Amino acid sequence: MPTPLARPQTGSVPMAAGLTWDAVRVPRNVGLTALSILGSGSGAVLEDPSALALYWFIPAGAGADWAITNTRALGAGSFVVIPPRRRTQGPGPHWRICPGEGAWKTDPNALKAAIEDALDSARGRARAV
């Protein structure tokens, strides 16, 4: 089945989630903090500037019970626009962290923890204002 690694090197194309991977869509402001928290524990991360969102890839089916505020798991029946493997700037979708040769998925539990920490951090900043 197609993965973000198996896509052509030309323009961006929509790829179906739920076959070999699910994706998790996170608002950009929370996603950037979560990315910082994950550090080297993060797999590939896609940024879509038009949606103000970051996307992580997790094993297929891992998003079925996803329930984190302001995030959305994309599984079977969903599509994600995938850019060429080394596109790291817009316009359009591009990679914050390019897919590697093997470890492009992020552990869903680590991702959940990072997003929850990022949300707590954002709530703390809002209370301090």
N, C-alpha and C. Protein backbone atom coordinates (compact mmCIF):
# COMPACT_ATOMS: atom_id res chain seq x y z
N MET A 1 0.83 -1.19 0.00
CA MET A 1 0.00 0.00 0.00
C MET A 1 0.87 1.25 0.00
N PRO A 2 0.38 2.33 -0.59
CA PRO A 2 1.18 3.55 -0.66
C PRO A 2 1.45 4.15 0.72
N THR A 3 2.64 4.64 0.87
CA THR A 3 3.03 5.37 2.06
C THR A 3 3.56 6.72 1.62
N PRO A 4 3.75 7.65 2.54
CA PRO A 4 4.34 8.93 2.16
C PRO A 4 5.72 8.75 1.51
N LEU A 5 6.37 7.62 1.74
CA LEU A 5 7.68 7.38 1.13
C LEU A 5 7.55 6.92 -0.31
N ALA A 6 6.42 6.32 -0.67
CA ALA A 6 6.27 5.72 -1.98
C ALA A 6 5.63 6.65 -3.00
N ARG A 7 5.45 7.88 -2.66
CA ARG A 7 4.76 8.80 -3.56
C ARG A 7 5.72 9.38 -4.58
N PRO A 8 5.20 9.82 -5.74
CA PRO A 8 6.06 10.40 -6.76
C PRO A 8 6.75 11.68 -6.29
N GLN A 9 7.83 12.05 -6.94
CA GLN A 9 8.60 13.22 -6.55
C GLN A 9 8.15 14.48 -7.28
N THR A 10 7.01 14.47 -7.89
CA THR A 10 6.51 15.66 -8.59
C THR A 10 5.66 16.49 -7.65
N GLY A 11 4.44 16.84 -8.03
CA GLY A 11 3.58 17.67 -7.20
C GLY A 11 2.95 16.91 -6.05
N SER A 12 2.22 17.65 -5.21
CA SER A 12 1.51 17.05 -4.09
C SER A 12 0.33 16.24 -4.59
N VAL A 13 0.04 15.13 -3.91
CA VAL A 13 -1.08 14.27 -4.28
C VAL A 13 -1.83 13.82 -3.03
N PRO A 14 -3.16 13.67 -3.13
CA PRO A 14 -3.91 13.13 -1.99
C PRO A 14 -3.65 11.63 -1.86
N MET A 15 -3.43 11.19 -0.62
CA MET A 15 -3.24 9.77 -0.35
C MET A 15 -4.21 9.34 0.74
N ALA A 16 -4.70 8.12 0.59
CA ALA A 16 -5.70 7.59 1.52
C ALA A 16 -5.07 7.19 2.85
N ALA A 17 -5.69 7.64 3.91
CA ALA A 17 -5.30 7.22 5.26
C ALA A 17 -6.00 5.90 5.57
N GLY A 18 -5.55 5.23 6.61
CA GLY A 18 -6.23 4.04 7.09
C GLY A 18 -5.77 2.75 6.45
N LEU A 19 -4.86 2.82 5.47
CA LEU A 19 -4.37 1.60 4.84
C LEU A 19 -3.09 1.12 5.53
N THR A 20 -2.06 1.92 5.50
CA THR A 20 -0.82 1.58 6.21
C THR A 20 -0.52 2.59 7.30
N TRP A 21 -1.27 3.66 7.34
CA TRP A 21 -1.08 4.70 8.34
C TRP A 21 -2.38 5.46 8.56
N ASP A 22 -2.50 6.03 9.75
CA ASP A 22 -3.50 7.05 10.06
C ASP A 22 -2.70 8.34 10.22
N ALA A 23 -3.37 9.45 10.13
CA ALA A 23 -2.72 10.73 10.37
C ALA A 23 -3.44 11.43 11.51
N VAL A 24 -2.72 12.28 12.22
CA VAL A 24 -3.32 13.08 13.28
C VAL A 24 -3.09 14.54 12.93
N ARG A 25 -4.21 15.27 12.82
CA ARG A 25 -4.16 16.69 12.49
C ARG A 25 -4.20 17.49 13.78
N VAL A 26 -3.23 18.41 13.92
CA VAL A 26 -3.08 19.20 15.14
C VAL A 26 -2.97 20.66 14.74
N PRO A 27 -3.69 21.57 15.42
CA PRO A 27 -3.52 22.99 15.11
C PRO A 27 -2.05 23.39 15.19
N ARG A 28 -1.63 24.25 14.29
CA ARG A 28 -0.22 24.60 14.15
C ARG A 28 0.41 25.07 15.47
N ASN A 29 -0.26 25.95 16.19
CA ASN A 29 0.35 26.49 17.42
C ASN A 29 0.60 25.39 18.45
N VAL A 30 -0.32 24.48 18.61
CA VAL A 30 -0.15 23.35 19.54
C VAL A 30 0.86 22.36 18.95
N GLY A 31 0.77 22.14 17.65
CA GLY A 31 1.66 21.19 16.98
C GLY A 31 3.12 21.56 17.08
N LEU A 32 3.43 22.85 16.96
CA LEU A 32 4.83 23.27 17.06
C LEU A 32 5.39 23.00 18.45
N THR A 33 4.57 23.21 19.48
CA THR A 33 5.01 22.90 20.84
C THR A 33 5.17 21.39 21.02
N ALA A 34 4.21 20.62 20.50
CA ALA A 34 4.30 19.16 20.59
C ALA A 34 5.53 18.65 19.86
N LEU A 35 5.84 19.23 18.72
CA LEU A 35 7.03 18.83 17.96
C LEU A 35 8.29 19.08 18.78
N SER A 36 8.34 20.21 19.45
CA SER A 36 9.49 20.53 20.31
C SER A 36 9.59 19.52 21.46
N ILE A 37 8.47 19.14 22.03
CA ILE A 37 8.46 18.18 23.14
C ILE A 37 8.92 16.80 22.65
N LEU A 38 8.44 16.37 21.48
CA LEU A 38 8.81 15.06 20.95
C LEU A 38 10.28 14.97 20.56
N GLY A 39 10.82 16.06 20.04
CA GLY A 39 12.22 16.06 19.60
C GLY A 39 12.50 14.92 18.64
N SER A 40 13.55 14.17 18.91
CA SER A 40 13.95 13.08 18.02
C SER A 40 12.99 11.90 18.06
N GLY A 41 12.00 11.95 18.95
CA GLY A 41 10.98 10.89 19.01
C GLY A 41 9.89 11.05 17.98
N SER A 42 9.96 12.12 17.19
CA SER A 42 8.94 12.36 16.18
C SER A 42 9.32 11.70 14.87
N GLY A 43 8.30 11.15 14.21
CA GLY A 43 8.48 10.69 12.84
C GLY A 43 8.26 11.86 11.91
N ALA A 44 7.90 11.58 10.68
CA ALA A 44 7.65 12.62 9.69
C ALA A 44 6.51 13.53 10.14
N VAL A 45 6.65 14.83 9.85
CA VAL A 45 5.61 15.81 10.20
C VAL A 45 5.36 16.67 8.97
N LEU A 46 4.09 16.74 8.60
CA LEU A 46 3.65 17.50 7.45
C LEU A 46 2.99 18.79 7.92
N GLU A 47 3.31 19.91 7.29
CA GLU A 47 2.64 21.17 7.61
C GLU A 47 1.78 21.58 6.43
N ASP A 48 0.54 21.97 6.71
CA ASP A 48 -0.35 22.51 5.69
C ASP A 48 -0.68 23.94 6.10
N PRO A 49 0.00 24.93 5.49
CA PRO A 49 -0.21 26.32 5.87
C PRO A 49 -1.64 26.81 5.66
N SER A 50 -2.33 26.30 4.65
CA SER A 50 -3.69 26.77 4.39
C SER A 50 -4.66 26.31 5.49
N ALA A 51 -4.36 25.19 6.13
CA ALA A 51 -5.20 24.68 7.21
C ALA A 51 -4.67 25.07 8.59
N LEU A 52 -3.50 25.74 8.62
CA LEU A 52 -2.85 26.08 9.89
C LEU A 52 -2.74 24.84 10.77
N ALA A 53 -2.24 23.74 10.18
CA ALA A 53 -2.19 22.47 10.89
C ALA A 53 -0.90 21.71 10.58
N LEU A 54 -0.53 20.86 11.54
CA LEU A 54 0.54 19.90 11.35
C LEU A 54 -0.08 18.51 11.38
N TYR A 55 0.51 17.58 10.65
CA TYR A 55 0.03 16.20 10.59
C TYR A 55 1.17 15.26 10.96
N TRP A 56 0.86 14.30 11.84
CA TRP A 56 1.77 13.22 12.18
C TRP A 56 1.19 11.94 11.62
N PHE A 57 2.03 10.97 11.34
CA PHE A 57 1.61 9.67 10.85
C PHE A 57 1.81 8.64 11.94
N ILE A 58 0.78 7.84 12.18
CA ILE A 58 0.79 6.80 13.21
C ILE A 58 0.36 5.49 12.54
N PRO A 59 0.57 4.35 13.18
CA PRO A 59 0.16 3.08 12.57
C PRO A 59 -1.34 3.07 12.25
N ALA A 60 -1.70 2.40 11.15
CA ALA A 60 -3.11 2.29 10.75
C ALA A 60 -3.93 1.70 11.89
N GLY A 61 -5.06 2.31 12.15
CA GLY A 61 -5.96 1.86 13.20
C GLY A 61 -5.69 2.50 14.55
N ALA A 62 -4.51 3.08 14.73
CA ALA A 62 -4.16 3.68 16.03
C ALA A 62 -4.97 4.92 16.33
N GLY A 63 -5.56 5.52 15.32
CA GLY A 63 -6.37 6.71 15.54
C GLY A 63 -7.82 6.42 15.86
N ALA A 64 -8.21 5.15 15.88
CA ALA A 64 -9.61 4.79 16.07
C ALA A 64 -10.19 5.30 17.39
N ASP A 65 -9.40 5.32 18.44
CA ASP A 65 -9.91 5.77 19.74
C ASP A 65 -9.31 7.12 20.14
N TRP A 66 -8.86 7.87 19.17
CA TRP A 66 -8.23 9.17 19.43
C TRP A 66 -9.26 10.14 19.97
N ALA A 67 -8.98 10.79 21.09
CA ALA A 67 -9.93 11.72 21.68
C ALA A 67 -9.20 12.84 22.41
N ILE A 68 -8.45 13.65 21.67
CA ILE A 68 -7.75 14.78 22.27
C ILE A 68 -8.34 16.06 21.70
N THR A 69 -8.70 16.97 22.60
CA THR A 69 -9.31 18.24 22.24
C THR A 69 -8.58 18.94 21.11
N ASN A 70 -9.34 19.47 20.15
CA ASN A 70 -8.83 20.26 19.03
C ASN A 70 -7.90 19.52 18.10
N THR A 71 -7.86 18.20 18.15
CA THR A 71 -7.08 17.41 17.21
C THR A 71 -8.03 16.44 16.52
N ARG A 72 -7.56 15.86 15.42
CA ARG A 72 -8.42 14.93 14.69
C ARG A 72 -7.59 13.82 14.09
N ALA A 73 -7.99 12.59 14.36
CA ALA A 73 -7.35 11.44 13.73
C ALA A 73 -8.02 11.18 12.40
N LEU A 74 -7.22 10.92 11.39
CA LEU A 74 -7.72 10.65 10.04
C LEU A 74 -7.37 9.21 9.69
N GLY A 75 -8.40 8.39 9.57
CA GLY A 75 -8.21 6.98 9.23
C GLY A 75 -8.90 6.66 7.93
N ALA A 76 -9.40 5.45 7.82
CA ALA A 76 -10.06 4.99 6.60
C ALA A 76 -11.13 5.97 6.16
N GLY A 77 -11.15 6.28 4.88
CA GLY A 77 -12.10 7.23 4.33
C GLY A 77 -11.60 8.66 4.29
N SER A 78 -10.42 8.90 4.86
CA SER A 78 -9.83 10.24 4.87
C SER A 78 -8.63 10.28 3.92
N PHE A 79 -8.30 11.48 3.49
CA PHE A 79 -7.16 11.68 2.62
C PHE A 79 -6.28 12.80 3.17
N VAL A 80 -4.99 12.70 2.92
CA VAL A 80 -4.02 13.72 3.29
C VAL A 80 -3.24 14.07 2.03
N VAL A 81 -3.08 15.36 1.77
CA VAL A 81 -2.30 15.79 0.61
C VAL A 81 -0.82 15.68 0.97
N ILE A 82 -0.11 14.83 0.24
CA ILE A 82 1.29 14.53 0.52
C ILE A 82 2.17 15.23 -0.52
N PRO A 83 3.12 16.05 -0.05
CA PRO A 83 4.04 16.72 -0.97
C PRO A 83 5.20 15.79 -1.35
N PRO A 84 6.02 16.20 -2.30
CA PRO A 84 7.23 15.43 -2.59
C PRO A 84 8.07 15.26 -1.32
N ARG A 85 8.84 14.18 -1.27
CA ARG A 85 9.58 13.79 -0.07
C ARG A 85 10.49 14.84 0.52
N ARG A 86 11.05 15.69 -0.26
CA ARG A 86 12.03 16.65 0.27
C ARG A 86 11.54 18.09 0.17
N ARG A 87 10.25 18.31 -0.05
CA ARG A 87 9.74 19.68 -0.07
C ARG A 87 9.62 20.17 1.37
N THR A 88 10.43 21.16 1.73
CA THR A 88 10.46 21.65 3.10
C THR A 88 9.97 23.09 3.22
N GLN A 89 9.42 23.63 2.13
CA GLN A 89 8.86 24.98 2.15
C GLN A 89 7.62 25.00 1.27
N GLY A 90 6.74 25.96 1.55
CA GLY A 90 5.57 26.17 0.71
C GLY A 90 5.98 26.80 -0.59
N PRO A 91 5.05 27.18 -1.39
CA PRO A 91 3.63 27.23 -1.05
C PRO A 91 3.03 25.82 -0.95
N GLY A 92 1.97 25.74 -0.20
CA GLY A 92 1.27 24.48 -0.05
C GLY A 92 1.90 23.57 0.99
N PRO A 93 1.35 22.35 1.10
CA PRO A 93 1.85 21.40 2.09
C PRO A 93 3.34 21.12 1.89
N HIS A 94 4.05 20.99 3.00
CA HIS A 94 5.48 20.70 2.97
C HIS A 94 5.86 19.99 4.27
N TRP A 95 7.04 19.42 4.27
CA TRP A 95 7.51 18.65 5.42
C TRP A 95 8.21 19.52 6.44
N ARG A 96 7.79 19.43 7.68
CA ARG A 96 8.54 20.00 8.81
C ARG A 96 9.66 19.04 9.15
N ILE A 97 9.34 17.74 9.13
CA ILE A 97 10.34 16.68 9.25
C ILE A 97 10.08 15.73 8.09
N CYS A 98 11.06 15.61 7.21
CA CYS A 98 10.92 14.77 6.02
C CYS A 98 10.80 13.30 6.42
N PRO A 99 10.07 12.53 5.63
CA PRO A 99 9.98 11.09 5.90
C PRO A 99 11.35 10.45 5.80
N GLY A 100 11.67 9.58 6.73
CA GLY A 100 12.92 8.84 6.69
C GLY A 100 12.73 7.55 5.91
N GLU A 101 13.76 6.80 5.81
CA GLU A 101 13.70 5.55 5.04
C GLU A 101 12.93 4.45 5.77
N GLY A 102 12.75 4.55 7.05
CA GLY A 102 12.05 3.50 7.76
C GLY A 102 11.16 4.00 8.88
N ALA A 103 11.61 4.99 9.62
CA ALA A 103 10.89 5.43 10.82
C ALA A 103 10.16 6.73 10.56
N TRP A 104 9.13 6.71 9.75
CA TRP A 104 8.39 7.93 9.47
C TRP A 104 7.13 8.03 10.32
N LYS A 105 6.75 6.95 10.99
CA LYS A 105 5.59 7.00 11.88
C LYS A 105 6.04 7.39 13.27
N THR A 106 5.12 8.03 13.99
CA THR A 106 5.37 8.43 15.38
C THR A 106 4.59 7.50 16.29
N ASP A 107 5.17 7.14 17.42
CA ASP A 107 4.47 6.32 18.39
C ASP A 107 3.23 7.09 18.86
N PRO A 108 2.04 6.51 18.72
CA PRO A 108 0.82 7.25 19.07
C PRO A 108 0.75 7.65 20.54
N ASN A 109 1.28 6.84 21.43
CA ASN A 109 1.25 7.20 22.86
C ASN A 109 2.17 8.38 23.15
N ALA A 110 3.34 8.40 22.53
CA ALA A 110 4.25 9.53 22.70
C ALA A 110 3.63 10.79 22.12
N LEU A 111 2.97 10.65 20.97
CA LEU A 111 2.32 11.81 20.35
C LEU A 111 1.20 12.34 21.23
N LYS A 112 0.38 11.45 21.77
CA LYS A 112 -0.70 11.88 22.67
C LYS A 112 -0.13 12.65 23.86
N ALA A 113 0.90 12.11 24.47
CA ALA A 113 1.49 12.76 25.65
C ALA A 113 2.04 14.14 25.28
N ALA A 114 2.72 14.24 24.13
CA ALA A 114 3.29 15.52 23.71
C ALA A 114 2.19 16.55 23.43
N ILE A 115 1.11 16.11 22.78
CA ILE A 115 0.01 17.03 22.48
C ILE A 115 -0.67 17.48 23.77
N GLU A 116 -0.89 16.54 24.69
CA GLU A 116 -1.52 16.91 25.97
C GLU A 116 -0.64 17.90 26.74
N ASP A 117 0.68 17.67 26.74
CA ASP A 117 1.59 18.62 27.39
C ASP A 117 1.56 19.98 26.70
N ALA A 118 1.50 19.97 25.37
CA ALA A 118 1.43 21.23 24.61
C ALA A 118 0.14 21.97 24.91
N LEU A 119 -0.97 21.24 25.02
CA LEU A 119 -2.24 21.88 25.36
C LEU A 119 -2.20 22.46 26.77
N ASP A 120 -1.62 21.72 27.71
CA ASP A 120 -1.49 22.23 29.09
C ASP A 120 -0.64 23.49 29.11
N SER A 121 0.43 23.50 28.33
CA SER A 121 1.30 24.67 28.26
C SER A 121 0.55 25.88 27.70
N ALA A 122 -0.25 25.63 26.65
CA ALA A 122 -1.03 26.73 26.05
C ALA A 122 -2.07 27.25 27.03
N ARG A 123 -2.69 26.36 27.80
CA ARG A 123 -3.66 26.80 28.81
C ARG A 123 -2.99 27.62 29.89
N GLY A 124 -1.79 27.22 30.29
CA GLY A 124 -1.03 27.97 31.30
C GLY A 124 -0.67 29.35 30.81
N ARG A 125 -0.27 29.48 29.55
CA ARG A 125 0.04 30.80 29.00
C ARG A 125 -1.21 31.66 28.93
N ALA A 126 -2.36 31.06 28.61
CA ALA A 126 -3.60 31.84 28.53
C ALA A 126 -4.01 32.34 29.92
N ARG A 127 -3.81 31.51 30.96
CA ARG A 127 -4.16 31.94 32.32
C ARG A 127 -3.24 33.05 32.81
N ALA A 128 -1.98 33.06 32.33
CA ALA A 128 -1.01 34.04 32.80
C ALA A 128 -1.24 35.43 32.19
N VAL A 129 -2.04 35.48 31.14
CA VAL A 129 -2.26 36.77 30.47
C VAL A 129 -3.32 37.57 31.15
